[in-house]
PDB file of N, CA and C in Angstrom:
ATOM      1  N   UNK A   1     -81.924  52.189 110.485  1.00  0.00           N
ATOM      2  CA  UNK A   1     -83.266  51.765 110.139  1.00  0.00           C
ATOM      3  C   UNK A   1     -83.151  50.625 109.128  1.00  0.00           C
ATOM      4  N   UNK A   2     -83.862  49.541 109.382  1.00  0.00           N
ATOM      5  CA  UNK A   2     -83.825  48.428 108.443  1.00  0.00           C
ATOM      6  C   UNK A   2     -84.978  48.541 107.443  1.00  0.00           C
ATOM      7  N   UNK A   3     -84.990  47.641 106.491  1.00  0.00           N
ATOM      8  CA  UNK A   3     -85.977  47.693 105.413  1.00  0.00           C
ATOM      9  C   UNK A   3     -87.399  47.567 105.941  1.00  0.00           C
ATOM     10  N   UNK A   4     -87.607  46.703 106.931  1.00  0.00           N
ATOM     11  CA  UNK A   4     -88.955  46.510 107.463  1.00  0.00           C
ATOM     12  C   UNK A   4     -89.523  47.802 108.045  1.00  0.00           C
ATOM     13  N   UNK A   5     -88.696  48.571 108.750  1.00  0.00           N
ATOM     14  CA  UNK A   5     -89.170  49.822 109.342  1.00  0.00           C
ATOM     15  C   UNK A   5     -89.545  50.838 108.276  1.00  0.00           C
ATOM     16  N   UNK A   6     -88.766  50.910 107.210  1.00  0.00           N
ATOM     17  CA  UNK A   6     -89.042  51.910 106.182  1.00  0.00           C
ATOM     18  C   UNK A   6     -90.257  51.551 105.338  1.00  0.00           C
ATOM     19  N   UNK A   7     -90.649  50.275 105.330  1.00  0.00           N
ATOM     20  CA  UNK A   7     -91.811  49.851 104.556  1.00  0.00           C
ATOM     21  C   UNK A   7     -93.120  49.967 105.323  1.00  0.00           C
ATOM     22  N   UNK A   8     -93.051  50.337 106.592  1.00  0.00           N
ATOM     23  CA  UNK A   8     -94.268  50.439 107.387  1.00  0.00           C
ATOM     24  C   UNK A   8     -95.140  51.590 106.894  1.00  0.00           C
ATOM     25  N   UNK A   9     -96.422  51.360 106.945  1.00  0.00           N
ATOM     26  CA  UNK A   9     -97.383  52.393 106.566  1.00  0.00           C
ATOM     27  C   UNK A   9     -97.786  53.131 107.826  1.00  0.00           C
ATOM     28  N   UNK A  10     -97.704  54.432 107.782  1.00  0.00           N
ATOM     29  CA  UNK A  10     -98.090  55.236 108.942  1.00  0.00           C
ATOM     30  C   UNK A  10     -99.605  55.341 108.985  1.00  0.00           C
ATOM     31  N   UNK A  11    -100.187  54.962 110.105  1.00  0.00           N
ATOM     32  CA  UNK A  11    -101.633  55.009 110.259  1.00  0.00           C
ATOM     33  C   UNK A  11    -101.985  56.143 111.205  1.00  0.00           C
ATOM     34  N   UNK A  12    -102.906  56.980 110.778  1.00  0.00           N
ATOM     35  CA  UNK A  12    -103.360  58.098 111.603  1.00  0.00           C
ATOM     36  C   UNK A  12    -104.727  57.746 112.153  1.00  0.00           C
ATOM     37  N   UNK A  13    -104.828  57.731 113.465  1.00  0.00           N
ATOM     38  CA  UNK A  13    -106.097  57.410 114.106  1.00  0.00           C
ATOM     39  C   UNK A  13    -107.017  58.615 114.020  1.00  0.00           C
ATOM     40  N   UNK A  14    -108.107  58.463 113.309  1.00  0.00           N
ATOM     41  CA  UNK A  14    -109.076  59.545 113.154  1.00  0.00           C
ATOM     42  C   UNK A  14    -110.166  59.490 114.205  1.00  0.00           C
ATOM     43  N   UNK A  15    -110.097  58.513 115.091  1.00  0.00           N
ATOM     44  CA  UNK A  15    -111.120  58.381 116.116  1.00  0.00           C
ATOM     45  C   UNK A  15    -112.393  57.787 115.538  1.00  0.00           C
ATOM     46  N   UNK A  16    -113.424  57.822 116.317  1.00  0.00           N
ATOM     47  CA  UNK A  16    -114.701  57.287 115.855  1.00  0.00           C
ATOM     48  C   UNK A  16    -115.415  58.325 115.004  1.00  0.00           C
ATOM     49  N   UNK A  17    -116.146  57.876 114.010  1.00  0.00           N
ATOM     50  CA  UNK A  17    -116.877  58.846 113.190  1.00  0.00           C
ATOM     51  C   UNK A  17    -117.931  59.556 114.028  1.00  0.00           C
ATOM     52  N   UNK A  18    -118.203  60.812 113.711  1.00  0.00           N
ATOM     53  CA  UNK A  18    -119.195  61.548 114.503  1.00  0.00           C
ATOM     54  C   UNK A  18    -120.581  60.937 114.360  1.00  0.00           C
ATOM     55  N   UNK A  19    -121.369  61.135 115.384  1.00  0.00           N
ATOM     56  CA  UNK A  19    -122.762  60.699 115.319  1.00  0.00           C
ATOM     57  C   UNK A  19    -123.471  61.512 114.242  1.00  0.00           C
ATOM     58  N   UNK A  20    -124.555  61.025 113.773  1.00  0.00           N
ATOM     59  CA  UNK A  20    -125.305  61.745 112.747  1.00  0.00           C
ATOM     60  C   UNK A  20    -125.903  63.011 113.350  1.00  0.00           C
ATOM     61  N   UNK A  21    -125.721  64.120 112.675  1.00  0.00           N
ATOM     62  CA  UNK A  21    -126.237  65.391 113.158  1.00  0.00           C
ATOM     63  C   UNK A  21    -127.562  65.708 112.469  1.00  0.00           C
ATOM     64  N   UNK A  22    -128.435  66.336 113.211  1.00  0.00           N
ATOM     65  CA  UNK A  22    -129.710  66.763 112.636  1.00  0.00           C
ATOM     66  C   UNK A  22    -129.446  67.826 111.579  1.00  0.00           C
ATOM     67  N   UNK A  23    -130.247  67.815 110.555  1.00  0.00           N
ATOM     68  CA  UNK A  23    -130.108  68.849 109.529  1.00  0.00           C
ATOM     69  C   UNK A  23    -130.693  70.142 110.066  1.00  0.00           C
ATOM     70  N   UNK A  24    -130.103  71.233 109.687  1.00  0.00           N
ATOM     71  CA  UNK A  24    -130.604  72.529 110.141  1.00  0.00           C
ATOM     72  C   UNK A  24    -129.558  73.258 110.958  1.00  0.00           C
ATOM     73  N   UNK A  25    -129.984  74.237 111.702  1.00  0.00           N
ATOM     74  CA  UNK A  25    -129.098  75.091 112.482  1.00  0.00           C
ATOM     75  C   UNK A  25    -128.861  74.507 113.867  1.00  0.00           C
ATOM     76  N   UNK A  26    -127.683  74.775 114.412  1.00  0.00           N
ATOM     77  CA  UNK A  26    -127.314  74.310 115.744  1.00  0.00           C
ATOM     78  C   UNK A  26    -126.895  75.518 116.575  1.00  0.00           C
ATOM     79  N   UNK A  27    -127.421  75.641 117.767  1.00  0.00           N
ATOM     80  CA  UNK A  27    -127.075  76.760 118.645  1.00  0.00           C
ATOM     81  C   UNK A  27    -125.692  76.523 119.245  1.00  0.00           C
ATOM     82  N   UNK A  28    -124.807  77.490 119.070  1.00  0.00           N
ATOM     83  CA  UNK A  28    -123.452  77.390 119.603  1.00  0.00           C
ATOM     84  C   UNK A  28    -123.228  78.329 120.776  1.00  0.00           C
ATOM     85  N   UNK A  29    -124.196  79.174 121.079  1.00  0.00           N
ATOM     86  CA  UNK A  29    -124.066  80.109 122.192  1.00  0.00           C
ATOM     87  C   UNK A  29    -124.868  81.367 121.931  1.00  0.00           C
ATOM     88  N   UNK A  30    -124.870  82.248 122.918  1.00  0.00           N
ATOM     89  CA  UNK A  30    -125.551  83.532 122.784  1.00  0.00           C
ATOM     90  C   UNK A  30    -124.628  84.516 122.077  1.00  0.00           C
ATOM     91  N   UNK A  31    -125.150  85.208 121.079  1.00  0.00           N
ATOM     92  CA  UNK A  31    -124.340  86.113 120.262  1.00  0.00           C
ATOM     93  C   UNK A  31    -123.623  87.163 121.103  1.00  0.00           C
ATOM     94  N   UNK A  32    -124.278  87.710 122.103  1.00  0.00           N
ATOM     95  CA  UNK A  32    -123.670  88.771 122.920  1.00  0.00           C
ATOM     96  C   UNK A  32    -122.387  88.319 123.613  1.00  0.00           C
ATOM     97  N   UNK A  33    -122.304  87.037 123.947  1.00  0.00           N
ATOM     98  CA  UNK A  33    -121.099  86.525 124.613  1.00  0.00           C
ATOM     99  C   UNK A  33    -119.871  86.610 123.717  1.00  0.00           C
ATOM    100  N   UNK A  34    -120.072  86.643 122.404  1.00  0.00           N
ATOM    101  CA  UNK A  34    -118.963  86.666 121.454  1.00  0.00           C
ATOM    102  C   UNK A  34    -118.580  88.083 121.021  1.00  0.00           C
ATOM    103  N   UNK A  35    -119.292  89.102 121.525  1.00  0.00           N
ATOM    104  CA  UNK A  35    -119.041  90.489 121.113  1.00  0.00           C
ATOM    105  C   UNK A  35    -118.198  91.247 122.132  1.00  0.00           C
ATOM    106  N   UNK A  36    -117.217  90.598 122.705  1.00  0.00           N
ATOM    107  CA  UNK A  36    -116.375  91.244 123.716  1.00  0.00           C
ATOM    108  C   UNK A  36    -114.991  91.621 123.187  1.00  0.00           C
ATOM    109  N   UNK A  37    -114.801  91.529 121.862  1.00  0.00           N
ATOM    110  CA  UNK A  37    -113.529  91.904 121.260  1.00  0.00           C
ATOM    111  C   UNK A  37    -112.458  90.837 121.345  1.00  0.00           C
ATOM    112  N   UNK A  38    -112.819  89.640 121.802  1.00  0.00           N
ATOM    113  CA  UNK A  38    -111.850  88.549 121.940  1.00  0.00           C
ATOM    114  C   UNK A  38    -112.282  87.360 121.090  1.00  0.00           C
ATOM    115  N   UNK A  39    -111.312  86.523 120.689  1.00  0.00           N
ATOM    116  CA  UNK A  39    -111.678  85.279 120.008  1.00  0.00           C
ATOM    117  C   UNK A  39    -112.131  84.237 121.027  1.00  0.00           C
ATOM    118  N   UNK A  40    -113.049  83.379 120.611  1.00  0.00           N
ATOM    119  CA  UNK A  40    -113.583  82.338 121.491  1.00  0.00           C
ATOM    120  C   UNK A  40    -113.445  80.983 120.812  1.00  0.00           C
ATOM    121  N   UNK A  41    -113.029  79.992 121.567  1.00  0.00           N
ATOM    122  CA  UNK A  41    -112.885  78.636 121.065  1.00  0.00           C
ATOM    123  C   UNK A  41    -114.150  77.845 121.364  1.00  0.00           C
ATOM    124  N   UNK A  42    -114.669  77.163 120.345  1.00  0.00           N
ATOM    125  CA  UNK A  42    -115.797  76.253 120.556  1.00  0.00           C
ATOM    126  C   UNK A  42    -115.527  74.970 119.776  1.00  0.00           C
ATOM    127  N   UNK A  43    -116.127  73.906 120.208  1.00  0.00           N
ATOM    128  CA  UNK A  43    -116.031  72.614 119.522  1.00  0.00           C
ATOM    129  C   UNK A  43    -117.413  72.300 118.966  1.00  0.00           C
ATOM    130  N   UNK A  44    -117.484  72.047 117.672  1.00  0.00           N
ATOM    131  CA  UNK A  44    -118.766  71.710 117.049  1.00  0.00           C
ATOM    132  C   UNK A  44    -118.526  70.701 115.936  1.00  0.00           C
ATOM    133  N   UNK A  45    -119.316  69.668 115.924  1.00  0.00           N
ATOM    134  CA  UNK A  45    -119.248  68.660 114.872  1.00  0.00           C
ATOM    135  C   UNK A  45    -117.868  68.005 114.787  1.00  0.00           C
ATOM    136  N   UNK A  46    -117.205  67.867 115.926  1.00  0.00           N
ATOM    137  CA  UNK A  46    -115.884  67.251 115.962  1.00  0.00           C
ATOM    138  C   UNK A  46    -114.776  68.148 115.450  1.00  0.00           C
ATOM    139  N   UNK A  47    -115.043  69.434 115.341  1.00  0.00           N
ATOM    140  CA  UNK A  47    -114.076  70.389 114.801  1.00  0.00           C
ATOM    141  C   UNK A  47    -113.912  71.556 115.760  1.00  0.00           C
ATOM    142  N   UNK A  48    -112.658  71.960 115.994  1.00  0.00           N
ATOM    143  CA  UNK A  48    -112.418  73.143 116.815  1.00  0.00           C
ATOM    144  C   UNK A  48    -112.605  74.370 115.933  1.00  0.00           C
ATOM    145  N   UNK A  49    -113.394  75.321 116.427  1.00  0.00           N
ATOM    146  CA  UNK A  49    -113.702  76.542 115.688  1.00  0.00           C
ATOM    147  C   UNK A  49    -113.331  77.754 116.522  1.00  0.00           C
ATOM    148  N   UNK A  50    -113.164  78.886 115.848  1.00  0.00           N
ATOM    149  CA  UNK A  50    -112.950  80.155 116.541  1.00  0.00           C
ATOM    150  C   UNK A  50    -114.099  81.083 116.160  1.00  0.00           C
ATOM    151  N   UNK A  51    -114.651  81.748 117.166  1.00  0.00           N
ATOM    152  CA  UNK A  51    -115.766  82.680 116.972  1.00  0.00           C
ATOM    153  C   UNK A  51    -115.292  84.060 117.404  1.00  0.00           C
ATOM    154  N   UNK A  52    -115.587  85.075 116.602  1.00  0.00           N
ATOM    155  CA  UNK A  52    -115.233  86.451 116.959  1.00  0.00           C
ATOM    156  C   UNK A  52    -116.215  87.403 116.293  1.00  0.00           C
ATOM    157  N   UNK A  53    -116.246  88.619 116.774  1.00  0.00           N
ATOM    158  CA  UNK A  53    -117.096  89.653 116.176  1.00  0.00           C
ATOM    159  C   UNK A  53    -116.204  90.642 115.438  1.00  0.00           C
ATOM    160  N   UNK A  54    -116.620  91.044 114.238  1.00  0.00           N
ATOM    161  CA  UNK A  54    -115.846  92.027 113.482  1.00  0.00           C
ATOM    162  C   UNK A  54    -116.136  93.431 114.008  1.00  0.00           C
ATOM    163  N   UNK A  55    -115.605  94.449 113.338  1.00  0.00           N
ATOM    164  CA  UNK A  55    -115.751  95.826 113.823  1.00  0.00           C
ATOM    165  C   UNK A  55    -117.199  96.316 113.797  1.00  0.00           C
ATOM    166  N   UNK A  56    -118.059  95.654 113.027  1.00  0.00           N
ATOM    167  CA  UNK A  56    -119.482  96.002 112.991  1.00  0.00           C
ATOM    168  C   UNK A  56    -120.304  95.179 113.974  1.00  0.00           C
ATOM    169  N   UNK A  57    -119.643  94.315 114.734  1.00  0.00           N
ATOM    170  CA  UNK A  57    -120.345  93.465 115.691  1.00  0.00           C
ATOM    171  C   UNK A  57    -120.939  92.210 115.080  1.00  0.00           C
ATOM    172  N   UNK A  58    -120.631  91.946 113.795  1.00  0.00           N
ATOM    173  CA  UNK A  58    -121.129  90.728 113.153  1.00  0.00           C
ATOM    174  C   UNK A  58    -120.294  89.538 113.607  1.00  0.00           C
ATOM    175  N   UNK A  59    -120.976  88.459 113.979  1.00  0.00           N
ATOM    176  CA  UNK A  59    -120.297  87.260 114.445  1.00  0.00           C
ATOM    177  C   UNK A  59    -119.741  86.489 113.249  1.00  0.00           C
ATOM    178  N   UNK A  60    -118.504  86.036 113.374  1.00  0.00           N
ATOM    179  CA  UNK A  60    -117.827  85.258 112.331  1.00  0.00           C
ATOM    180  C   UNK A  60    -117.303  83.970 112.955  1.00  0.00           C
ATOM    181  N   UNK A  61    -117.322  82.893 112.183  1.00  0.00           N
ATOM    182  CA  UNK A  61    -116.807  81.606 112.651  1.00  0.00           C
ATOM    183  C   UNK A  61    -115.883  81.031 111.586  1.00  0.00           C
ATOM    184  N   UNK A  62    -114.683  80.646 112.022  1.00  0.00           N
ATOM    185  CA  UNK A  62    -113.685  80.035 111.141  1.00  0.00           C
ATOM    186  C   UNK A  62    -113.165  78.751 111.774  1.00  0.00           C
ATOM    187  N   UNK A  63    -112.541  77.896 110.960  1.00  0.00           N
ATOM    188  CA  UNK A  63    -111.782  76.788 111.532  1.00  0.00           C
ATOM    189  C   UNK A  63    -110.726  77.410 112.444  1.00  0.00           C
ATOM    190  N   UNK A  64    -110.436  76.768 113.554  1.00  0.00           N
ATOM    191  CA  UNK A  64    -109.606  77.390 114.587  1.00  0.00           C
ATOM    192  C   UNK A  64    -108.113  77.415 114.291  1.00  0.00           C
ATOM    193  N   UNK A  65    -107.647  76.645 113.330  1.00  0.00           N
ATOM    194  CA  UNK A  65    -106.206  76.569 113.127  1.00  0.00           C
ATOM    195  C   UNK A  65    -105.777  77.291 111.859  1.00  0.00           C
ATOM    196  N   UNK A  66    -104.776  78.150 112.016  1.00  0.00           N
ATOM    197  CA  UNK A  66    -104.234  78.940 110.912  1.00  0.00           C
ATOM    198  C   UNK A  66    -103.696  78.010 109.829  1.00  0.00           C
ATOM    199  N   UNK A  67    -104.007  78.310 108.585  1.00  0.00           N
ATOM    200  CA  UNK A  67    -103.549  77.480 107.470  1.00  0.00           C
ATOM    201  C   UNK A  67    -102.055  77.656 107.204  1.00  0.00           C
ATOM    202  N   UNK A  68    -101.450  78.687 107.744  1.00  0.00           N
ATOM    203  CA  UNK A  68    -100.036  78.911 107.510  1.00  0.00           C
ATOM    204  C   UNK A  68     -99.193  77.869 108.229  1.00  0.00           C
ATOM    205  N   UNK A  69     -99.253  77.848 109.568  1.00  0.00           N
ATOM    206  CA  UNK A  69     -98.454  76.880 110.326  1.00  0.00           C
ATOM    207  C   UNK A  69     -99.207  76.280 111.505  1.00  0.00           C
ATOM    208  N   UNK A  70    -100.517  76.349 111.477  1.00  0.00           N
ATOM    209  CA  UNK A  70    -101.314  75.647 112.475  1.00  0.00           C
ATOM    210  C   UNK A  70    -101.525  76.341 113.795  1.00  0.00           C
ATOM    211  N   UNK A  71    -101.238  77.630 113.880  1.00  0.00           N
ATOM    212  CA  UNK A  71    -101.477  78.358 115.126  1.00  0.00           C
ATOM    213  C   UNK A  71    -102.954  78.349 115.491  1.00  0.00           C
ATOM    214  N   UNK A  72    -103.236  78.295 116.786  1.00  0.00           N
ATOM    215  CA  UNK A  72    -104.620  78.277 117.268  1.00  0.00           C
ATOM    216  C   UNK A  72    -105.162  79.703 117.262  1.00  0.00           C
ATOM    217  N   UNK A  73    -106.056  79.993 116.333  1.00  0.00           N
ATOM    218  CA  UNK A  73    -106.593  81.345 116.191  1.00  0.00           C
ATOM    219  C   UNK A  73    -107.377  81.800 117.415  1.00  0.00           C
ATOM    220  N   UNK A  74    -107.880  80.863 118.202  1.00  0.00           N
ATOM    221  CA  UNK A  74    -108.600  81.262 119.414  1.00  0.00           C
ATOM    222  C   UNK A  74    -107.645  81.831 120.464  1.00  0.00           C
ATOM    223  N   UNK A  75    -106.337  81.654 120.254  1.00  0.00           N
ATOM    224  CA  UNK A  75    -105.328  82.241 121.130  1.00  0.00           C
ATOM    225  C   UNK A  75    -104.771  83.541 120.541  1.00  0.00           C
ATOM    226  N   UNK A  76    -105.296  83.938 119.389  1.00  0.00           N
ATOM    227  CA  UNK A  76    -104.842  85.155 118.721  1.00  0.00           C
ATOM    228  C   UNK A  76    -105.593  86.381 119.208  1.00  0.00           C
ATOM    229  N   UNK A  77    -105.609  87.417 118.375  1.00  0.00           N
ATOM    230  CA  UNK A  77    -106.295  88.655 118.736  1.00  0.00           C
ATOM    231  C   UNK A  77    -107.171  89.119 117.574  1.00  0.00           C
ATOM    232  N   UNK A  78    -108.253  89.811 117.919  1.00  0.00           N
ATOM    233  CA  UNK A  78    -109.124  90.390 116.905  1.00  0.00           C
ATOM    234  C   UNK A  78    -108.554  91.758 116.553  1.00  0.00           C
ATOM    235  N   UNK A  79    -108.313  91.975 115.260  1.00  0.00           N
ATOM    236  CA  UNK A  79    -107.771  93.243 114.784  1.00  0.00           C
ATOM    237  C   UNK A  79    -108.680  93.744 113.669  1.00  0.00           C
ATOM    238  N   UNK A  80    -109.536  94.702 114.019  1.00  0.00           N
ATOM    239  CA  UNK A  80    -110.495  95.229 113.046  1.00  0.00           C
ATOM    240  C   UNK A  80    -111.511  94.178 112.665  1.00  0.00           C
ATOM    241  N   UNK A  81    -111.550  93.846 111.376  1.00  0.00           N
ATOM    242  CA  UNK A  81    -112.494  92.850 110.868  1.00  0.00           C
ATOM    243  C   UNK A  81    -111.863  91.468 110.726  1.00  0.00           C
ATOM    244  N   UNK A  82    -110.653  91.306 111.230  1.00  0.00           N
ATOM    245  CA  UNK A  82    -109.924  90.047 111.071  1.00  0.00           C
ATOM    246  C   UNK A  82    -109.469  89.504 112.416  1.00  0.00           C
ATOM    247  N   UNK A  83    -109.086  88.233 112.386  1.00  0.00           N
ATOM    248  CA  UNK A  83    -108.470  87.622 113.558  1.00  0.00           C
ATOM    249  C   UNK A  83    -107.023  87.332 113.191  1.00  0.00           C
ATOM    250  N   UNK A  84    -106.106  87.664 114.101  1.00  0.00           N
ATOM    251  CA  UNK A  84    -104.679  87.515 113.843  1.00  0.00           C
ATOM    252  C   UNK A  84    -104.140  86.272 114.531  1.00  0.00           C
ATOM    253  N   UNK A  85    -103.382  85.493 113.787  1.00  0.00           N
ATOM    254  CA  UNK A  85    -102.767  84.278 114.316  1.00  0.00           C
ATOM    255  C   UNK A  85    -101.697  84.648 115.344  1.00  0.00           C
ATOM    256  N   UNK A  86    -101.632  83.912 116.463  1.00  0.00           N
ATOM    257  CA  UNK A  86    -100.624  84.222 117.476  1.00  0.00           C
ATOM    258  C   UNK A  86     -99.202  83.862 117.049  1.00  0.00           C
ATOM    259  N   UNK A  87     -99.026  83.040 116.020  1.00  0.00           N
ATOM    260  CA  UNK A  87     -97.680  82.647 115.594  1.00  0.00           C
ATOM    261  C   UNK A  87     -97.000  83.736 114.762  1.00  0.00           C
ATOM    262  N   UNK A  88     -97.552  84.052 113.599  1.00  0.00           N
ATOM    263  CA  UNK A  88     -96.899  84.972 112.668  1.00  0.00           C
ATOM    264  C   UNK A  88     -97.782  86.141 112.250  1.00  0.00           C
ATOM    265  N   UNK A  89     -98.903  86.329 112.953  1.00  0.00           N
ATOM    266  CA  UNK A  89     -99.778  87.483 112.750  1.00  0.00           C
ATOM    267  C   UNK A  89    -100.491  87.505 111.400  1.00  0.00           C
ATOM    268  N   UNK A  90    -100.622  86.338 110.754  1.00  0.00           N
ATOM    269  CA  UNK A  90    -101.436  86.309 109.542  1.00  0.00           C
ATOM    270  C   UNK A  90    -102.846  86.684 109.947  1.00  0.00           C
ATOM    271  N   UNK A  91    -103.515  87.512 109.144  1.00  0.00           N
ATOM    272  CA  UNK A  91    -104.861  88.001 109.454  1.00  0.00           C
ATOM    273  C   UNK A  91    -105.886  87.265 108.600  1.00  0.00           C
ATOM    274  N   UNK A  92    -106.951  86.820 109.239  1.00  0.00           N
ATOM    275  CA  UNK A  92    -108.004  86.072 108.555  1.00  0.00           C
ATOM    276  C   UNK A  92    -109.329  86.797 108.706  1.00  0.00           C
ATOM    277  N   UNK A  93    -109.960  87.134 107.584  1.00  0.00           N
ATOM    278  CA  UNK A  93    -111.255  87.799 107.605  1.00  0.00           C
ATOM    279  C   UNK A  93    -112.369  86.805 107.885  1.00  0.00           C
ATOM    280  N   UNK A  94    -113.520  87.316 108.229  1.00  0.00           N
ATOM    281  CA  UNK A  94    -114.661  86.473 108.540  1.00  0.00           C
ATOM    282  C   UNK A  94    -115.142  85.620 107.380  1.00  0.00           C
ATOM    283  N   UNK A  95    -114.724  85.960 106.160  1.00  0.00           N
ATOM    284  CA  UNK A  95    -115.095  85.169 104.986  1.00  0.00           C
ATOM    285  C   UNK A  95    -114.099  84.044 104.716  1.00  0.00           C
ATOM    286  N   UNK A  96    -113.070  83.929 105.568  1.00  0.00           N
ATOM    287  CA  UNK A  96    -112.077  82.870 105.424  1.00  0.00           C
ATOM    288  C   UNK A  96    -110.853  83.250 104.615  1.00  0.00           C
ATOM    289  N   UNK A  97    -110.859  84.424 103.991  1.00  0.00           N
ATOM    290  CA  UNK A  97    -109.703  84.843 103.191  1.00  0.00           C
ATOM    291  C   UNK A  97    -108.654  85.505 104.070  1.00  0.00           C
ATOM    292  N   UNK A  98    -107.398  85.269 103.730  1.00  0.00           N
ATOM    293  CA  UNK A  98    -106.304  85.945 104.423  1.00  0.00           C
ATOM    294  C   UNK A  98    -106.334  87.407 103.999  1.00  0.00           C
ATOM    295  N   UNK A  99    -106.387  88.308 104.978  1.00  0.00           N
ATOM    296  CA  UNK A  99    -106.498  89.738 104.672  1.00  0.00           C
ATOM    297  C   UNK A  99    -105.175  90.477 104.793  1.00  0.00           C
ATOM    298  N   UNK A 100    -104.169  89.824 105.344  1.00  0.00           N
ATOM    299  CA  UNK A 100    -102.890  90.494 105.464  1.00  0.00           C
ATOM    300  C   UNK A 100    -101.834  89.640 106.133  1.00  0.00           C
ATOM    301  N   UNK A 101    -100.593  89.870 105.687  1.00  0.00           N
ATOM    302  CA  UNK A 101     -99.420  89.249 106.288  1.00  0.00           C
ATOM    303  C   UNK A 101     -98.463  90.400 106.544  1.00  0.00           C
ATOM    304  N   UNK A 102     -98.276  90.798 107.803  1.00  0.00           N
ATOM    305  CA  UNK A 102     -97.521  92.013 108.108  1.00  0.00           C
ATOM    306  C   UNK A 102     -96.125  92.105 107.490  1.00  0.00           C
ATOM    307  N   UNK A 103     -95.452  90.993 107.293  1.00  0.00           N
ATOM    308  CA  UNK A 103     -94.082  91.028 106.788  1.00  0.00           C
ATOM    309  C   UNK A 103     -93.992  90.717 105.287  1.00  0.00           C
ATOM    310  N   UNK A 104     -95.137  90.655 104.595  1.00  0.00           N
ATOM    311  CA  UNK A 104     -95.136  90.326 103.166  1.00  0.00           C
ATOM    312  C   UNK A 104     -95.761  91.459 102.357  1.00  0.00           C
ATOM    313  N   UNK A 105     -95.345  91.573 101.114  1.00  0.00           N
ATOM    314  CA  UNK A 105     -95.886  92.611 100.239  1.00  0.00           C
ATOM    315  C   UNK A 105     -97.270  92.260  99.716  1.00  0.00           C
ATOM    316  N   UNK A 106     -97.524  90.964  99.597  1.00  0.00           N
ATOM    317  CA  UNK A 106     -98.825  90.546  99.071  1.00  0.00           C
ATOM    318  C   UNK A 106     -99.299  89.292  99.790  1.00  0.00           C
ATOM    319  N   UNK A 107    -100.589  89.048  99.666  1.00  0.00           N
ATOM    320  CA  UNK A 107    -101.202  87.856 100.252  1.00  0.00           C
ATOM    321  C   UNK A 107    -101.382  86.832  99.136  1.00  0.00           C
ATOM    322  N   UNK A 108    -100.952  85.591  99.346  1.00  0.00           N
ATOM    323  CA  UNK A 108    -101.183  84.577  98.309  1.00  0.00           C
ATOM    324  C   UNK A 108    -102.684  84.452  98.015  1.00  0.00           C
ATOM    325  N   UNK A 109    -103.077  84.463  96.745  1.00  0.00           N
ATOM    326  CA  UNK A 109    -104.501  84.450  96.406  1.00  0.00           C
ATOM    327  C   UNK A 109    -105.261  83.229  96.938  1.00  0.00           C
ATOM    328  N   UNK A 110    -104.582  82.124  97.147  1.00  0.00           N
ATOM    329  CA  UNK A 110    -105.256  80.918  97.630  1.00  0.00           C
ATOM    330  C   UNK A 110    -105.168  80.754  99.146  1.00  0.00           C
ATOM    331  N   UNK A 111    -104.661  81.763  99.843  1.00  0.00           N
ATOM    332  CA  UNK A 111    -104.572  81.683 101.309  1.00  0.00           C
ATOM    333  C   UNK A 111    -105.963  81.895 101.888  1.00  0.00           C
ATOM    334  N   UNK A 112    -106.582  80.796 102.283  1.00  0.00           N
ATOM    335  CA  UNK A 112    -107.925  80.881 102.852  1.00  0.00           C
ATOM    336  C   UNK A 112    -108.158  79.712 103.789  1.00  0.00           C
ATOM    337  N   UNK A 113    -109.125  79.887 104.658  1.00  0.00           N
ATOM    338  CA  UNK A 113    -109.535  78.849 105.591  1.00  0.00           C
ATOM    339  C   UNK A 113    -111.050  78.702 105.502  1.00  0.00           C
ATOM    340  N   UNK A 114    -111.582  77.702 106.157  1.00  0.00           N
ATOM    341  CA  UNK A 114    -113.031  77.479 106.073  1.00  0.00           C
ATOM    342  C   UNK A 114    -113.773  78.454 106.971  1.00  0.00           C
ATOM    343  N   UNK A 115    -114.734  79.143 106.384  1.00  0.00           N
ATOM    344  CA  UNK A 115    -115.634  80.027 107.130  1.00  0.00           C
ATOM    345  C   UNK A 115    -116.978  79.318 107.231  1.00  0.00           C
ATOM    346  N   UNK A 116    -117.609  79.436 108.384  1.00  0.00           N
ATOM    347  CA  UNK A 116    -118.885  78.771 108.634  1.00  0.00           C
ATOM    348  C   UNK A 116    -120.011  79.795 108.585  1.00  0.00           C
ATOM    349  N   UNK A 117    -121.106  79.408 107.981  1.00  0.00           N
ATOM    350  CA  UNK A 117    -122.268  80.287 107.891  1.00  0.00           C
ATOM    351  C   UNK A 117    -122.959  80.345 109.248  1.00  0.00           C
ATOM    352  N   UNK A 118    -123.395  81.537 109.619  1.00  0.00           N
ATOM    353  CA  UNK A 118    -124.086  81.673 110.901  1.00  0.00           C
ATOM    354  C   UNK A 118    -125.421  82.376 110.710  1.00  0.00           C
ATOM    355  N   UNK A 119    -126.267  82.220 111.692  1.00  0.00           N
ATOM    356  CA  UNK A 119    -127.549  82.910 111.709  1.00  0.00           C
ATOM    357  C   UNK A 119    -127.834  83.279 113.159  1.00  0.00           C
ATOM    358  N   UNK A 120    -128.191  84.536 113.368  1.00  0.00           N
ATOM    359  CA  UNK A 120    -128.544  84.968 114.728  1.00  0.00           C
ATOM    360  C   UNK A 120    -130.041  84.954 114.902  1.00  0.00           C
TER     361      UNK A 120
END
């Protein structure tokens, strides 16, 4: 590698900015469709999200990618009130907090992902 190559700035294409969204609530689907015990992938506002129902049937929405190593949570499994990552089984509660790591004694206090507010 020569000097010119090492001085290059890496540019990440973020695509076009999203169109302006109306303020207020946006319908993402019928609640009953998400109460089948499986995670569901949806795209909203230029972001991939995962939708699942907890053990009480409450719908939860999180960013779709695990904060640990980027596993797609929509390919994971619902376990109780959490969704488990298909890579290393990290569990994410509907509030965005990591609820468990099967091979660890404790969960890092800052292990969290974005949870989205919903209204039925």
